Protein backbone atom coordinates (compact mmCIF):
# COMPACT_ATOMS: atom_id res chain seq x y z
CA UNK A 1 -0.01 -0.01 0.01
CA UNK A 2 1.22 3.51 -0.74
CA UNK A 3 1.92 6.12 1.93
CA UNK A 4 -0.88 7.71 3.97
CA UNK A 5 -0.60 11.03 2.13
CA UNK A 6 -1.90 9.28 -1.04
CA UNK A 7 -5.00 8.29 0.88
CA UNK A 8 -5.79 11.74 2.27
CA UNK A 9 -7.75 12.78 -0.77
CA UNK A 10 -10.49 10.37 0.31
CA UNK A 11 -10.42 11.29 3.98
CA UNK A 12 -13.63 12.36 5.70
CA UNK A 13 -14.56 12.60 9.32
CA UNK A 14 -17.01 9.92 10.42
CA UNK A 15 -18.74 9.06 13.67
CA UNK A 16 -18.20 5.47 14.93
CA UNK A 17 -20.51 3.95 17.53
CA UNK A 18 -18.62 1.86 20.10
CA UNK A 19 -19.74 -0.07 23.11
CA UNK A 20 -18.05 1.15 26.30
CA UNK A 21 -17.13 -1.78 28.65
CA UNK A 22 -19.35 -1.75 31.70
CA UNK A 23 -21.86 0.57 30.03
CA UNK A 24 -24.97 -0.43 28.10
CA UNK A 25 -24.78 2.63 25.85
CA UNK A 26 -22.63 3.49 22.88
CA UNK A 27 -20.47 6.61 22.55
CA UNK A 28 -19.47 8.50 19.46
CA UNK A 29 -15.77 8.48 18.68
CA UNK A 30 -14.59 11.01 16.15
CA UNK A 31 -12.41 9.25 13.52
CA UNK A 32 -10.86 9.98 10.15
CA UNK A 33 -11.89 7.52 7.47
CA UNK A 34 -8.75 6.56 5.50
CA UNK A 35 -10.63 6.21 2.23
CA UNK A 36 -11.77 3.73 -0.38
CA UNK A 37 -8.30 2.47 -1.31
CA UNK A 38 -7.46 1.60 2.32
CA UNK A 39 -10.90 0.02 2.80
CA UNK A 40 -10.43 -2.21 -0.23
CA UNK A 41 -6.96 -3.17 0.97
CA UNK A 42 -8.03 -4.06 4.56
CA UNK A 43 -11.12 -5.93 3.23
CA UNK A 44 -8.85 -7.96 0.92
CA UNK A 45 -6.32 -8.73 3.68
CA UNK A 46 -9.01 -9.80 6.14
CA UNK A 47 -11.03 -11.58 3.44
CA UNK A 48 -14.11 -9.69 4.64
CA UNK A 49 -16.29 -7.32 2.68
CA UNK A 50 -17.22 -3.82 3.77
CA UNK A 51 -14.30 -3.10 6.18
CA UNK A 52 -13.36 0.52 6.83
CA UNK A 53 -10.02 1.65 8.09
CA UNK A 54 -10.35 4.65 10.43
CA UNK A 55 -7.92 6.68 12.54
CA UNK A 56 -8.99 7.84 15.95
CA UNK A 57 -9.10 11.65 16.32
CA UNK A 58 -10.67 12.12 19.78
CA UNK A 59 -9.51 11.35 23.30
CA UNK A 60 -12.15 8.60 23.48
CA UNK A 61 -10.71 5.20 22.69
CA UNK A 62 -11.70 2.57 20.18
CA UNK A 63 -9.88 -0.05 22.34
CA UNK A 64 -11.55 -2.09 25.07
CA UNK A 65 -10.16 -0.40 28.15
CA UNK A 66 -7.65 2.25 27.04
CA UNK A 67 -5.72 3.75 24.21
CA UNK A 68 -2.50 1.96 25.13
CA UNK A 69 -1.40 -1.00 27.23
CA UNK A 70 2.08 -0.58 28.74
CA UNK A 71 4.31 -3.31 30.21
CA UNK A 72 7.81 -3.13 31.52
CA UNK A 73 10.52 -5.44 30.26
CA UNK A 74 11.72 -5.59 33.90
CA UNK A 75 8.39 -7.00 35.06
CA UNK A 76 8.39 -9.52 32.22
CA UNK A 77 11.95 -10.61 33.14
CA UNK A 78 10.93 -10.98 36.83
CA UNK A 79 7.96 -13.18 35.72
CA UNK A 80 10.20 -15.26 33.50
CA UNK A 81 12.68 -15.76 36.31
CA UNK A 82 9.80 -16.90 38.53
CA UNK A 83 8.49 -19.30 35.84
CA UNK A 84 12.00 -20.79 35.40
CA UNK A 85 12.94 -20.97 39.10
CA UNK A 86 9.62 -21.87 40.71
CA UNK A 87 7.60 -23.62 38.05
CA UNK A 88 10.51 -25.55 36.42
CA UNK A 89 9.64 -24.25 32.90
CA UNK A 90 11.79 -22.31 30.53
CA UNK A 91 10.57 -18.80 29.74
CA UNK A 92 12.09 -16.42 27.19
CA UNK A 93 11.40 -12.72 27.88
CA UNK A 94 10.56 -11.76 24.26
CA UNK A 95 8.08 -14.72 23.89
CA UNK A 96 6.36 -14.04 27.26
CA UNK A 97 6.15 -10.29 26.50
CA UNK A 98 4.35 -11.08 23.19
CA UNK A 99 1.64 -12.92 25.12
CA UNK A 100 0.60 -9.69 26.87
CA UNK A 101 -0.21 -7.89 23.60
CA UNK A 102 1.04 -4.46 24.82
CA UNK A 103 1.47 -1.52 22.53
CA UNK A 104 4.26 -0.05 24.71
CA UNK A 105 7.11 -1.68 26.56
CA UNK A 106 9.54 0.29 28.70
CA UNK A 107 12.68 -0.79 30.55
CA UNK A 108 14.89 0.58 33.31
CA UNK A 109 12.50 0.35 36.27
CA UNK A 110 11.87 -2.02 39.15
CA UNK A 111 9.66 -5.08 38.40
CA UNK A 112 5.95 -4.22 38.85
CA UNK A 113 6.82 -0.63 39.60
CA UNK A 114 4.52 0.51 36.72
CA UNK A 115 1.43 -0.36 38.80
CA UNK A 116 2.29 2.56 41.11
CA UNK A 117 2.67 5.27 38.39
CA UNK A 118 0.08 8.01 37.90
CA UNK A 119 1.62 9.75 34.89
CA UNK A 120 4.60 9.08 32.61
CA UNK A 121 6.24 10.96 29.80
CA UNK A 122 7.57 9.14 26.77
CA UNK A 123 9.42 11.49 24.40
CA UNK A 124 7.12 14.56 24.13
CA UNK A 125 3.95 12.59 25.03
CA UNK A 126 2.33 12.82 28.45
CA UNK A 127 0.40 9.66 29.39
CA UNK A 128 -2.01 9.20 32.27
CA UNK A 129 -1.98 5.79 33.94
CA UNK A 130 -5.61 4.77 34.46
CA UNK A 131 -5.29 1.33 36.07
CA UNK A 132 -3.80 -2.14 35.96
CA UNK A 133 -4.70 -4.62 33.24
CA UNK A 134 -6.59 -7.62 34.59
CA UNK A 135 -5.48 -10.80 32.81
CA UNK A 136 -7.41 -13.78 31.45
CA UNK A 137 -6.53 -17.08 29.84
CA UNK A 138 -5.70 -15.47 26.48
CA UNK A 139 -2.17 -14.85 27.72
CA UNK A 140 -1.66 -18.65 27.82
CA UNK A 141 -2.18 -19.14 24.10
CA UNK A 142 1.00 -19.94 22.18
CA UNK A 143 0.71 -17.70 19.11
CA UNK A 144 2.99 -19.89 17.01
CA UNK A 145 0.99 -23.09 17.58
CA UNK A 146 -2.44 -21.92 18.76
CA UNK A 147 -2.18 -24.30 21.71
CA UNK A 148 -3.21 -23.41 25.24
CA UNK A 149 -0.30 -23.55 27.76
CA UNK A 150 -0.24 -23.21 31.56
CA UNK A 151 2.16 -20.33 31.60
CA UNK A 152 2.28 -17.40 32.18
CA UNK A 153 -1.21 -17.32 33.71
CA UNK A 154 -0.38 -20.05 36.23
CA UNK A 155 2.51 -18.04 37.65
CA UNK A 156 0.53 -14.78 37.67
CA UNK A 157 -2.27 -16.33 39.64
CA UNK A 158 0.23 -17.98 42.06
CA UNK A 159 1.93 -14.60 42.60
CA UNK A 160 -1.02 -12.25 42.50
CA UNK A 161 -4.20 -14.19 43.22
CA UNK A 162 -7.31 -15.27 41.28
CA UNK A 163 -7.69 -12.08 39.25
CA UNK A 164 -4.07 -11.32 38.34
CA UNK A 165 -3.02 -8.05 36.77
CA UNK A 166 -0.02 -7.36 34.53
CA UNK A 167 0.73 -4.09 32.79
CA UNK A 168 -1.15 -0.76 32.95
CA UNK A 169 -3.66 1.05 30.87
CA UNK A 170 -2.57 4.51 29.77
CA UNK A 171 -4.09 7.34 27.79
CA UNK A 172 -2.46 10.25 25.97
CA UNK A 173 -3.34 13.54 27.69
CA UNK A 174 -1.71 16.18 25.51
CA UNK A 175 -2.06 15.05 21.82
CA UNK A 176 1.14 16.76 20.64
CA UNK A 177 2.14 16.13 17.09
CA UNK A 178 4.79 13.48 16.71
CA UNK A 179 5.31 9.78 17.07
CA UNK A 180 6.40 7.46 19.77
CA UNK A 181 9.41 5.48 18.61
CA UNK A 182 11.75 2.79 19.90
CA UNK A 183 14.42 4.43 22.01
CA UNK A 184 12.27 7.33 23.28
CA UNK A 185 13.22 8.21 26.84
CA UNK A 186 10.52 7.76 29.48
CA UNK A 187 10.17 8.96 32.99
CA UNK A 188 7.52 9.11 35.71
CA UNK A 189 5.77 12.37 36.40
CA UNK A 190 4.19 13.18 39.80
């Protein structure tokens, strides 16, 4: 597919109805329709007809619980060490990190420290931490084979109880122009 600027000639603002978790109503989320060419491409890739590719414009999220899910590499490593030492299984940090389906991964903090943060800054973007991510059995699916495994959910429930959390939900609070990129410096903000 060609660059986004080629698609802008088709762009129109559309209103998308989404269901808000825990709420029986839908809320309008302002989005930018990426156009006919993008819609045809996404429909072809997904082998579904009538798909539309849209870009979120408002602070309201199209995701289930938040705009972004953040995990720390340090927390993943700590969990992997636990799985290896206590559960007698091998655990590779990159493979376990993939299971959590996070959009953002930071490093250089204490394990599980992210659950205590209220705000963080990554590059020029200010993010508000809105809560921990409660985990379900989906994290125990091996994406390469499609098979259900015991880890990492077994270790999380052993360490954190019946409704384990891992990672945090964050939302962008300042909408500055620019992109997050690998290597951006992050720090906590009080």
